[in-house]
């Protein structure tokens, strides 16, 4: 069934309304009547019906929309935020799981470089963050301020989440655009327990084999520079210089 522009707008308005209200029965009835585009954007908010349902925590409606073909990777036309980001802000772990099952990208970024994990870390949603990490979310993906999820969790005082992120490989020595580490951000709000956790992990990083190998390489180079040229290298250099001088002499003789 084809609808004119006015009818399409009316259908879209109903779609957004039922998504916001979480009215699964009316939504299904609307879908069954035909002519519904599940991925149409709301002109005012820039959201799709899926995003609206996610924002309001309506899991059943979210599931129906996904089954009907709503795109879990779609992003708000204004902010670039996705349904997964909205679910992460709201702490809707079951919806996050559902979106991931339908192919939502845990590493999508908004227009100002926000990620679902950043939002979850900022709000302190441990279970939700764990779901994102298991789905492949990049633990150190930074935003427009070069701030990582670990920094936000540290600043807000989310102790368990800080531990989770560190176990997932978050680097406590990364710095934001102001040159601050996660520990320094925790210090801003006197998060003493978190400061202890981060300080201990930062020390562990400095004692790890990879770091020591790098330090050894740097030290070896410095020692060689202080010792001066390698004798064998110096010998080769002098031989090359002598050979070049001999060639120059022969060339001069030939010119005469």
C-alpha atoms as a PDB file:
ATOM      1  CA  UNK A   1       0.000   0.000   0.000  1.00  0.00           C
ATOM      2  CA  UNK A   2       1.414   3.357  -1.081  1.00  0.00           C
ATOM      3  CA  UNK A   3       0.867   6.448   1.018  1.00  0.00           C
ATOM      4  CA  UNK A   4       1.126  10.107   0.101  1.00  0.00           C
ATOM      5  CA  UNK A   5       3.491  12.439   1.927  1.00  0.00           C
ATOM      6  CA  UNK A   6       0.902  13.567   4.460  1.00  0.00           C
ATOM      7  CA  UNK A   7      -0.061   9.980   5.286  1.00  0.00           C
ATOM      8  CA  UNK A   8       3.599   9.010   5.665  1.00  0.00           C
ATOM      9  CA  UNK A   9       4.123  11.850   8.138  1.00  0.00           C
ATOM     10  CA  UNK A  10       1.067  10.701  10.087  1.00  0.00           C
ATOM     11  CA  UNK A  11       2.355   7.118  10.223  1.00  0.00           C
ATOM     12  CA  UNK A  12       5.811   8.311  11.327  1.00  0.00           C
ATOM     13  CA  UNK A  13       4.275  10.458  14.079  1.00  0.00           C
ATOM     14  CA  UNK A  14       2.366   7.432  15.392  1.00  0.00           C
ATOM     15  CA  UNK A  15       5.518   5.318  15.202  1.00  0.00           C
ATOM     16  CA  UNK A  16       7.473   7.815  17.313  1.00  0.00           C
ATOM     17  CA  UNK A  17       4.568   8.152  19.771  1.00  0.00           C
ATOM     18  CA  UNK A  18       4.197   4.410  20.355  1.00  0.00           C
ATOM     19  CA  UNK A  19       7.975   4.015  20.663  1.00  0.00           C
ATOM     20  CA  UNK A  20       8.112   6.734  23.314  1.00  0.00           C
ATOM     21  CA  UNK A  21       5.132   5.367  25.231  1.00  0.00           C
ATOM     22  CA  UNK A  22       6.272   1.766  24.945  1.00  0.00           C
ATOM     23  CA  UNK A  23       2.935   0.708  23.488  1.00  0.00           C
ATOM     24  CA  UNK A  24       3.863  -2.625  21.925  1.00  0.00           C
ATOM     25  CA  UNK A  25       0.301  -3.537  20.854  1.00  0.00           C
ATOM     26  CA  UNK A  26      -0.333  -0.300  18.965  1.00  0.00           C
ATOM     27  CA  UNK A  27       3.128  -0.503  17.435  1.00  0.00           C
ATOM     28  CA  UNK A  28       2.479  -4.022  16.129  1.00  0.00           C
ATOM     29  CA  UNK A  29      -0.913  -2.975  14.772  1.00  0.00           C
ATOM     30  CA  UNK A  30       0.699  -0.041  12.960  1.00  0.00           C
ATOM     31  CA  UNK A  31       3.372  -2.305  11.487  1.00  0.00           C
ATOM     32  CA  UNK A  32       0.808  -4.881  10.360  1.00  0.00           C
ATOM     33  CA  UNK A  33      -1.193  -2.180   8.568  1.00  0.00           C
ATOM     34  CA  UNK A  34       1.814  -1.624   6.297  1.00  0.00           C
ATOM     35  CA  UNK A  35       3.617   1.420   4.969  1.00  0.00           C
ATOM     36  CA  UNK A  36       5.857   1.820   8.019  1.00  0.00           C
ATOM     37  CA  UNK A  37       9.517   2.773   7.601  1.00  0.00           C
ATOM     38  CA  UNK A  38      11.243   1.765  10.865  1.00  0.00           C
ATOM     39  CA  UNK A  39      14.301   3.877  10.058  1.00  0.00           C
ATOM     40  CA  UNK A  40      12.643   7.229   9.428  1.00  0.00           C
ATOM     41  CA  UNK A  41      14.184  10.077  11.445  1.00  0.00           C
ATOM     42  CA  UNK A  42      12.246  12.441  13.670  1.00  0.00           C
ATOM     43  CA  UNK A  43      12.847  15.902  12.183  1.00  0.00           C
ATOM     44  CA  UNK A  44      12.849  17.609  15.579  1.00  0.00           C
ATOM     45  CA  UNK A  45      15.096  15.276  17.582  1.00  0.00           C
ATOM     46  CA  UNK A  46      17.055  13.522  14.834  1.00  0.00           C
ATOM     47  CA  UNK A  47      16.200  10.146  16.421  1.00  0.00           C
ATOM     48  CA  UNK A  48      14.689   7.016  14.919  1.00  0.00           C
ATOM     49  CA  UNK A  49      11.846   5.159  16.641  1.00  0.00           C
ATOM     50  CA  UNK A  50      14.421   2.633  17.880  1.00  0.00           C
ATOM     51  CA  UNK A  51      16.453   5.364  19.571  1.00  0.00           C
ATOM     52  CA  UNK A  52      13.323   6.804  21.169  1.00  0.00           C
ATOM     53  CA  UNK A  53      12.301   3.399  22.536  1.00  0.00           C
ATOM     54  CA  UNK A  54      15.832   2.806  23.838  1.00  0.00           C
ATOM     55  CA  UNK A  55      15.969   6.185  25.582  1.00  0.00           C
ATOM     56  CA  UNK A  56      12.793   5.299  27.431  1.00  0.00           C
ATOM     57  CA  UNK A  57      13.937   1.788  28.316  1.00  0.00           C
ATOM     58  CA  UNK A  58      11.156  -0.050  26.458  1.00  0.00           C
ATOM     59  CA  UNK A  59      12.873  -3.383  25.820  1.00  0.00           C
ATOM     60  CA  UNK A  60       9.895  -5.154  24.201  1.00  0.00           C
ATOM     61  CA  UNK A  61       9.328  -2.307  21.754  1.00  0.00           C
ATOM     62  CA  UNK A  62      13.059  -2.221  20.999  1.00  0.00           C
ATOM     63  CA  UNK A  63      12.947  -5.933  20.215  1.00  0.00           C
ATOM     64  CA  UNK A  64       9.888  -5.587  17.953  1.00  0.00           C
ATOM     65  CA  UNK A  65      11.501  -2.730  16.045  1.00  0.00           C
ATOM     66  CA  UNK A  66      14.735  -4.670  15.566  1.00  0.00           C
ATOM     67  CA  UNK A  67      12.791  -7.672  14.305  1.00  0.00           C
ATOM     68  CA  UNK A  68      10.916  -5.372  11.926  1.00  0.00           C
ATOM     69  CA  UNK A  69      14.179  -4.103  10.443  1.00  0.00           C
ATOM     70  CA  UNK A  70      15.189  -1.087  12.522  1.00  0.00           C
ATOM     71  CA  UNK A  71      18.884  -0.353  11.990  1.00  0.00           C
ATOM     72  CA  UNK A  72      20.863  -0.772  15.257  1.00  0.00           C
ATOM     73  CA  UNK A  73      23.824   1.066  13.694  1.00  0.00           C
ATOM     74  CA  UNK A  74      21.875   4.192  12.713  1.00  0.00           C
ATOM     75  CA  UNK A  75      23.048   7.423  14.319  1.00  0.00           C
ATOM     76  CA  UNK A  76      21.219  10.586  15.309  1.00  0.00           C
ATOM     77  CA  UNK A  77      21.415  13.007  12.369  1.00  0.00           C
ATOM     78  CA  UNK A  78      22.327  15.885  14.678  1.00  0.00           C
ATOM     79  CA  UNK A  79      24.695  14.402  17.276  1.00  0.00           C
ATOM     80  CA  UNK A  80      25.839  11.182  15.649  1.00  0.00           C
ATOM     81  CA  UNK A  81      24.867   9.225  18.769  1.00  0.00           C
ATOM     82  CA  UNK A  82      23.540   5.685  18.383  1.00  0.00           C
ATOM     83  CA  UNK A  83      20.871   3.632  20.135  1.00  0.00           C
ATOM     84  CA  UNK A  84      23.695   1.742  21.872  1.00  0.00           C
ATOM     85  CA  UNK A  85      25.027   5.002  23.301  1.00  0.00           C
ATOM     86  CA  UNK A  86      21.572   5.950  24.578  1.00  0.00           C
ATOM     87  CA  UNK A  87      21.201   2.536  26.225  1.00  0.00           C
ATOM     88  CA  UNK A  88      24.633   2.960  27.809  1.00  0.00           C
ATOM     89  CA  UNK A  89      23.752   6.358  29.226  1.00  0.00           C
ATOM     90  CA  UNK A  90      20.523   5.002  30.694  1.00  0.00           C
ATOM     91  CA  UNK A  91      22.054   1.839  32.111  1.00  0.00           C
ATOM     92  CA  UNK A  92      19.762  -0.456  30.114  1.00  0.00           C
ATOM     93  CA  UNK A  93      21.973  -3.560  30.126  1.00  0.00           C
ATOM     94  CA  UNK A  94      19.354  -5.901  28.636  1.00  0.00           C
ATOM     95  CA  UNK A  95      18.746  -3.488  25.777  1.00  0.00           C
ATOM     96  CA  UNK A  96      22.497  -3.185  25.212  1.00  0.00           C
ATOM     97  CA  UNK A  97      22.698  -6.966  24.971  1.00  0.00           C
ATOM     98  CA  UNK A  98      19.801  -6.997  22.507  1.00  0.00           C
ATOM     99  CA  UNK A  99      21.309  -4.275  20.325  1.00  0.00           C
ATOM    100  CA  UNK A 100      24.656  -6.076  20.232  1.00  0.00           C
ATOM    101  CA  UNK A 101      22.920  -9.308  19.202  1.00  0.00           C
ATOM    102  CA  UNK A 102      21.366  -7.458  16.260  1.00  0.00           C
ATOM    103  CA  UNK A 103      24.729  -6.052  15.150  1.00  0.00           C
ATOM    104  CA  UNK A 104      25.193  -2.722  16.932  1.00  0.00           C
ATOM    105  CA  UNK A 105      28.795  -1.488  16.727  1.00  0.00           C
ATOM    106  CA  UNK A 106      30.372  -1.022  20.199  1.00  0.00           C
ATOM    107  CA  UNK A 107      33.055   1.231  18.705  1.00  0.00           C
ATOM    108  CA  UNK A 108      30.829   3.724  16.896  1.00  0.00           C
ATOM    109  CA  UNK A 109      31.700   7.324  17.691  1.00  0.00           C
ATOM    110  CA  UNK A 110      29.446  10.364  17.797  1.00  0.00           C
ATOM    111  CA  UNK A 111      30.299  13.695  16.197  1.00  0.00           C
ATOM    112  CA  UNK A 112      32.276  14.709  19.282  1.00  0.00           C
ATOM    113  CA  UNK A 113      34.019  11.324  19.598  1.00  0.00           C
ATOM    114  CA  UNK A 114      31.827   9.841  22.333  1.00  0.00           C
ATOM    115  CA  UNK A 115      31.461   6.054  22.609  1.00  0.00           C
ATOM    116  CA  UNK A 116      29.041   3.723  24.354  1.00  0.00           C
ATOM    117  CA  UNK A 117      31.815   2.579  26.721  1.00  0.00           C
ATOM    118  CA  UNK A 118      32.716   6.164  27.620  1.00  0.00           C
ATOM    119  CA  UNK A 119      29.092   6.830  28.608  1.00  0.00           C
ATOM    120  CA  UNK A 120      28.828   3.579  30.574  1.00  0.00           C
ATOM    121  CA  UNK A 121      32.097   4.304  32.394  1.00  0.00           C
ATOM    122  CA  UNK A 122      31.058   7.857  33.209  1.00  0.00           C
ATOM    123  CA  UNK A 123      27.732   6.692  34.640  1.00  0.00           C
ATOM    124  CA  UNK A 124      29.252   3.752  36.514  1.00  0.00           C
ATOM    125  CA  UNK A 125      27.394   0.891  34.811  1.00  0.00           C
ATOM    126  CA  UNK A 126      29.693  -2.062  35.528  1.00  0.00           C
ATOM    127  CA  UNK A 127      27.615  -4.919  34.040  1.00  0.00           C
ATOM    128  CA  UNK A 128      26.845  -2.876  30.954  1.00  0.00           C
ATOM    129  CA  UNK A 129      30.517  -1.947  30.495  1.00  0.00           C
ATOM    130  CA  UNK A 130      31.441  -5.611  30.763  1.00  0.00           C
ATOM    131  CA  UNK A 131      28.990  -6.436  27.952  1.00  0.00           C
ATOM    132  CA  UNK A 132      30.528  -3.762  25.739  1.00  0.00           C
ATOM    133  CA  UNK A 133      34.073  -4.937  26.442  1.00  0.00           C
ATOM    134  CA  UNK A 134      33.150  -8.556  25.668  1.00  0.00           C
ATOM    135  CA  UNK A 135      31.639  -7.330  22.392  1.00  0.00           C
ATOM    136  CA  UNK A 136      34.980  -5.758  21.445  1.00  0.00           C
ATOM    137  CA  UNK A 137      34.709  -2.176  22.674  1.00  0.00           C
ATOM    138  CA  UNK A 138      38.118  -0.479  22.601  1.00  0.00           C
ATOM    139  CA  UNK A 139      39.016   0.114  26.237  1.00  0.00           C
ATOM    140  CA  UNK A 140      41.197   3.198  25.654  1.00  0.00           C
ATOM    141  CA  UNK A 141      39.188   4.887  22.881  1.00  0.00           C
ATOM    142  CA  UNK A 142      39.375   8.600  23.721  1.00  0.00           C
ATOM    143  CA  UNK A 143      36.936  11.450  23.115  1.00  0.00           C
ATOM    144  CA  UNK A 144      37.531  14.956  21.744  1.00  0.00           C
ATOM    145  CA  UNK A 145      39.432  15.848  24.922  1.00  0.00           C
ATOM    146  CA  UNK A 146      41.651  12.746  24.625  1.00  0.00           C
ATOM    147  CA  UNK A 147      39.928  11.482  27.781  1.00  0.00           C
ATOM    148  CA  UNK A 148      39.486   7.711  28.086  1.00  0.00           C
ATOM    149  CA  UNK A 149      36.707   5.718  29.783  1.00  0.00           C
ATOM    150  CA  UNK A 150      39.133   5.044  32.651  1.00  0.00           C
ATOM    151  CA  UNK A 151      39.546   8.770  33.231  1.00  0.00           C
ATOM    152  CA  UNK A 152      35.784   9.328  33.464  1.00  0.00           C
ATOM    153  CA  UNK A 153      35.283   6.361  35.794  1.00  0.00           C
ATOM    154  CA  UNK A 154      38.136   7.651  37.970  1.00  0.00           C
ATOM    155  CA  UNK A 155      36.804  11.197  38.053  1.00  0.00           C
ATOM    156  CA  UNK A 156      33.323  10.002  39.047  1.00  0.00           C
ATOM    157  CA  UNK A 157      34.607   7.595  41.713  1.00  0.00           C
ATOM    158  CA  UNK A 158      33.400   4.315  40.189  1.00  0.00           C
ATOM    159  CA  UNK A 159      35.814   1.964  41.954  1.00  0.00           C
ATOM    160  CA  UNK A 160      34.559  -1.377  40.577  1.00  0.00           C
ATOM    161  CA  UNK A 161      34.446   0.011  37.074  1.00  0.00           C
ATOM    162  CA  UNK A 162      38.005   1.317  37.352  1.00  0.00           C
ATOM    163  CA  UNK A 163      39.130  -2.193  38.320  1.00  0.00           C
ATOM    164  CA  UNK A 164      37.153  -3.706  35.426  1.00  0.00           C
ATOM    165  CA  UNK A 165      38.701  -1.342  32.880  1.00  0.00           C
ATOM    166  CA  UNK A 166      42.213  -1.972  34.199  1.00  0.00           C
ATOM    167  CA  UNK A 167      41.673  -5.745  33.962  1.00  0.00           C
ATOM    168  CA  UNK A 168      40.535  -5.204  30.373  1.00  0.00           C
ATOM    169  CA  UNK A 169      43.862  -3.516  29.608  1.00  0.00           C
ATOM    170  CA  UNK A 170      43.152   0.181  30.132  1.00  0.00           C
ATOM    171  CA  UNK A 171      46.366   2.219  30.291  1.00  0.00           C
ATOM    172  CA  UNK A 172      46.543   4.265  33.527  1.00  0.00           C
ATOM    173  CA  UNK A 173      49.422   6.335  32.149  1.00  0.00           C
ATOM    174  CA  UNK A 174      47.529   7.861  29.215  1.00  0.00           C
ATOM    175  CA  UNK A 175      47.024  11.631  29.376  1.00  0.00           C
ATOM    176  CA  UNK A 176      44.234  13.900  28.136  1.00  0.00           C
ATOM    177  CA  UNK A 177      44.710  17.197  26.299  1.00  0.00           C
ATOM    178  CA  UNK A 178      45.440  18.912  29.617  1.00  0.00           C
ATOM    179  CA  UNK A 179      48.209  16.431  30.336  1.00  0.00           C
ATOM    180  CA  UNK A 180      46.267  14.694  33.107  1.00  0.00           C
ATOM    181  CA  UNK A 181      46.246  10.964  33.846  1.00  0.00           C
ATOM    182  CA  UNK A 182      43.304   9.051  35.317  1.00  0.00           C
ATOM    183  CA  UNK A 183      44.993   9.239  38.730  1.00  0.00           C
ATOM    184  CA  UNK A 184      45.269  13.020  38.537  1.00  0.00           C
ATOM    185  CA  UNK A 185      41.602  13.250  37.578  1.00  0.00           C
ATOM    186  CA  UNK A 186      40.676  11.068  40.570  1.00  0.00           C
ATOM    187  CA  UNK A 187      42.747  13.380  42.743  1.00  0.00           C
ATOM    188  CA  UNK A 188      40.534  16.309  41.680  1.00  0.00           C
ATOM    189  CA  UNK A 189      37.620  14.795  43.598  1.00  0.00           C
ATOM    190  CA  UNK A 190      39.633  13.166  46.391  1.00  0.00           C
ATOM    191  CA  UNK A 191      38.899   9.603  45.242  1.00  0.00           C
ATOM    192  CA  UNK A 192      41.467   8.048  47.590  1.00  0.00           C
ATOM    193  CA  UNK A 193      40.585   4.373  46.948  1.00  0.00           C
ATOM    194  CA  UNK A 194      40.748   4.873  43.212  1.00  0.00           C
ATOM    195  CA  UNK A 195      44.022   6.770  43.497  1.00  0.00           C
ATOM    196  CA  UNK A 196      45.512   3.763  45.321  1.00  0.00           C
ATOM    197  CA  UNK A 197      44.265   1.333  42.645  1.00  0.00           C
ATOM    198  CA  UNK A 198      45.579   3.465  39.782  1.00  0.00           C
ATOM    199  CA  UNK A 199      48.897   4.166  41.470  1.00  0.00           C
ATOM    200  CA  UNK A 200      49.489   0.454  42.043  1.00  0.00           C
ATOM    201  CA  UNK A 201      48.615  -0.389  38.430  1.00  0.00           C
ATOM    202  CA  UNK A 202      50.768   2.413  37.038  1.00  0.00           C
ATOM    203  CA  UNK A 203      53.716   1.011  39.009  1.00  0.00           C
ATOM    204  CA  UNK A 204      53.005  -2.478  37.656  1.00  0.00           C
ATOM    205  CA  UNK A 205      53.100  -1.120  34.110  1.00  0.00           C
ATOM    206  CA  UNK A 206      56.518   0.394  34.769  1.00  0.00           C
ATOM    207  CA  UNK A 207      57.755  -2.978  36.050  1.00  0.00           C
ATOM    208  CA  UNK A 208      56.397  -5.066  33.188  1.00  0.00           C
ATOM    209  CA  UNK A 209      58.941  -6.885  30.913  1.00  0.00           C
ATOM    210  CA  UNK A 210      57.959  -4.922  27.804  1.00  0.00           C
ATOM    211  CA  UNK A 211      58.677  -1.639  29.552  1.00  0.00           C
ATOM    212  CA  UNK A 212      62.006  -2.939  30.902  1.00  0.00           C
ATOM    213  CA  UNK A 213      63.027  -4.152  27.443  1.00  0.00           C
ATOM    214  CA  UNK A 214      62.351  -0.673  26.086  1.00  0.00           C
ATOM    215  CA  UNK A 215      64.335   0.909  28.927  1.00  0.00           C
ATOM    216  CA  UNK A 216      67.231  -1.516  28.327  1.00  0.00           C
ATOM    217  CA  UNK A 217      67.322  -0.616  24.640  1.00  0.00           C
ATOM    218  CA  UNK A 218      67.371   3.096  25.453  1.00  0.00           C
ATOM    219  CA  UNK A 219      70.154   2.544  28.021  1.00  0.00           C
ATOM    220  CA  UNK A 220      72.252   0.458  25.594  1.00  0.00           C
ATOM    221  CA  UNK A 221      72.042   3.172  22.945  1.00  0.00           C
ATOM    222  CA  UNK A 222      73.054   5.833  25.478  1.00  0.00           C
ATOM    223  CA  UNK A 223      76.043   3.758  26.662  1.00  0.00           C
ATOM    224  CA  UNK A 224      77.247   3.202  23.094  1.00  0.00           C
ATOM    225  CA  UNK A 225      77.026   6.935  22.408  1.00  0.00           C
ATOM    226  CA  UNK A 226      79.165   7.695  25.481  1.00  0.00           C
ATOM    227  CA  UNK A 227      81.760   5.084  24.509  1.00  0.00           C
ATOM    228  CA  UNK A 228      82.242   6.637  21.116  1.00  0.00           C
ATOM    229  CA  UNK A 229      82.444   4.860  17.756  1.00  0.00           C
ATOM    230  CA  UNK A 230      82.597   1.073  17.688  1.00  0.00           C
ATOM    231  CA  UNK A 231      86.279   0.078  16.981  1.00  0.00           C
ATOM    232  CA  UNK A 232      85.305  -2.295  14.186  1.00  0.00           C
ATOM    233  CA  UNK A 233      83.136   0.384  12.609  1.00  0.00           C
ATOM    234  CA  UNK A 234      85.967   2.911  12.944  1.00  0.00           C
ATOM    235  CA  UNK A 235      88.365   0.492  11.192  1.00  0.00           C
ATOM    236  CA  UNK A 236      85.969   0.019   8.302  1.00  0.00           C
ATOM    237  CA  UNK A 237      85.521   3.787   8.038  1.00  0.00           C
ATOM    238  CA  UNK A 238      89.297   4.388   7.886  1.00  0.00           C
ATOM    239  CA  UNK A 239      89.688   1.689   5.224  1.00  0.00           C
ATOM    240  CA  UNK A 240      86.938   3.261   3.144  1.00  0.00           C
ATOM    241  CA  UNK A 241      88.567   6.689   3.480  1.00  0.00           C
ATOM    242  CA  UNK A 242      91.958   5.306   2.385  1.00  0.00           C
ATOM    243  CA  UNK A 243      90.412   3.581  -0.630  1.00  0.00           C
ATOM    244  CA  UNK A 244      88.639   6.783  -1.637  1.00  0.00           C
ATOM    245  CA  UNK A 245      91.872   8.789  -1.324  1.00  0.00           C
ATOM    246  CA  UNK A 246      93.668   6.256  -3.517  1.00  0.00           C
ATOM    247  CA  UNK A 247      90.926   6.466  -6.162  1.00  0.00           C
ATOM    248  CA  UNK A 248      91.184  10.268  -6.161  1.00  0.00           C
ATOM    249  CA  UNK A 249      94.967  10.050  -6.611  1.00  0.00           C
ATOM    250  CA  UNK A 250      94.644   7.663  -9.566  1.00  0.00           C
ATOM    251  CA  UNK A 251      92.033   9.900 -11.180  1.00  0.00           C
ATOM    252  CA  UNK A 252      94.345  12.908 -10.892  1.00  0.00           C
ATOM    253  CA  UNK A 253      97.157  10.898 -12.523  1.00  0.00           C
ATOM    254  CA  UNK A 254      94.909   9.896 -15.386  1.00  0.00           C
ATOM    255  CA  UNK A 255      93.924  13.502 -15.982  1.00  0.00           C
ATOM    256  CA  UNK A 256      97.559  14.483 -16.418  1.00  0.00           C
END
